[in-house]
Amino acid sequence: MLSLKVSGMTCGGCINAVTRAVQAQDPQAKVQADLAGQIVTLETTLSAAQASQLITDAGFPVIQ
């Protein structure tokens, strides 16, 4: 399970965009997001680097 700090998420649409970005590469991935904490938790076969890049490419920078 991965937990990533992600900036710029403000609504359910943002969560959907992040979820779609990850599931485009790993359709079985489970994505949970905490808007208040700006944390995305993933159960995925992707590496942390792959997931971070996909989320960043979707417009939501991952903070290291």
Protein backbone atom coordinates (compact mmCIF):
# COMPACT_ATOMS: atom_id res chain seq x y z
CA MET A 1 0.00 0.00 0.00
CA LEU A 2 1.29 3.44 -0.95
CA SER A 3 0.48 6.78 0.67
CA LEU A 4 1.32 9.88 -1.32
CA LYS A 5 1.00 13.55 -0.38
CA VAL A 6 -0.77 15.19 -3.32
CA SER A 7 -1.43 18.91 -3.74
CA GLY A 8 -4.28 20.59 -5.56
CA MET A 9 -7.12 18.20 -4.77
CA THR A 10 -10.22 20.15 -3.76
CA CYS A 11 -13.28 18.06 -4.66
CA GLY A 12 -14.69 14.72 -5.69
CA GLY A 13 -13.85 15.49 -9.31
CA CYS A 14 -10.19 15.72 -8.36
CA ILE A 15 -10.38 12.34 -6.65
CA ASN A 16 -12.04 10.88 -9.75
CA ALA A 17 -9.28 12.28 -11.98
CA VAL A 18 -6.57 10.77 -9.76
CA THR A 19 -8.41 7.45 -9.65
CA ARG A 20 -8.83 7.34 -13.45
CA ALA A 21 -5.15 8.18 -13.98
CA VAL A 22 -3.98 5.30 -11.77
CA GLN A 23 -6.58 2.80 -13.00
CA ALA A 24 -5.65 3.51 -16.62
CA GLN A 25 -2.40 1.65 -15.90
CA ASP A 26 -3.64 -0.69 -13.14
CA PRO A 27 -7.39 -1.35 -13.55
CA GLN A 28 -7.49 -3.33 -10.29
CA ALA A 29 -6.00 -0.49 -8.21
CA LYS A 30 -7.91 0.74 -5.17
CA VAL A 31 -7.62 4.48 -4.61
CA GLN A 32 -8.67 6.39 -1.50
CA ALA A 33 -8.15 10.11 -0.99
CA ASP A 34 -8.30 12.39 2.03
CA LEU A 35 -9.01 15.90 0.73
CA ALA A 36 -8.37 17.57 4.07
CA GLY A 37 -4.98 15.90 4.49
CA GLN A 38 -4.18 15.88 0.77
CA ILE A 39 -3.21 12.19 1.05
CA VAL A 40 -3.88 9.54 -1.59
CA THR A 41 -3.65 5.92 -0.47
CA LEU A 42 -3.23 3.29 -3.17
CA GLU A 43 -3.38 -0.48 -3.34
CA THR A 44 -1.68 -1.08 -6.67
CA THR A 45 0.92 -3.12 -8.49
CA LEU A 46 2.52 0.12 -9.70
CA SER A 47 5.71 1.39 -8.11
CA ALA A 48 5.62 4.58 -6.05
CA ALA A 49 7.48 6.37 -8.87
CA GLN A 50 5.00 5.17 -11.51
CA ALA A 51 1.97 6.14 -9.43
CA SER A 52 3.48 9.53 -8.58
CA GLN A 53 4.14 10.26 -12.25
CA LEU A 54 0.62 9.29 -13.31
CA ILE A 55 -0.94 11.49 -10.61
CA THR A 56 1.37 14.39 -11.46
CA ASP A 57 0.57 14.01 -15.17
CA ALA A 58 -3.15 14.22 -14.26
CA GLY A 59 -2.47 17.70 -12.85
CA PHE A 60 -1.98 16.95 -9.18
CA PRO A 61 1.67 17.28 -8.10
CA VAL A 62 2.96 14.69 -5.68
CA ILE A 63 4.96 16.27 -2.85
CA GLN A 64 8.04 14.33 -1.81
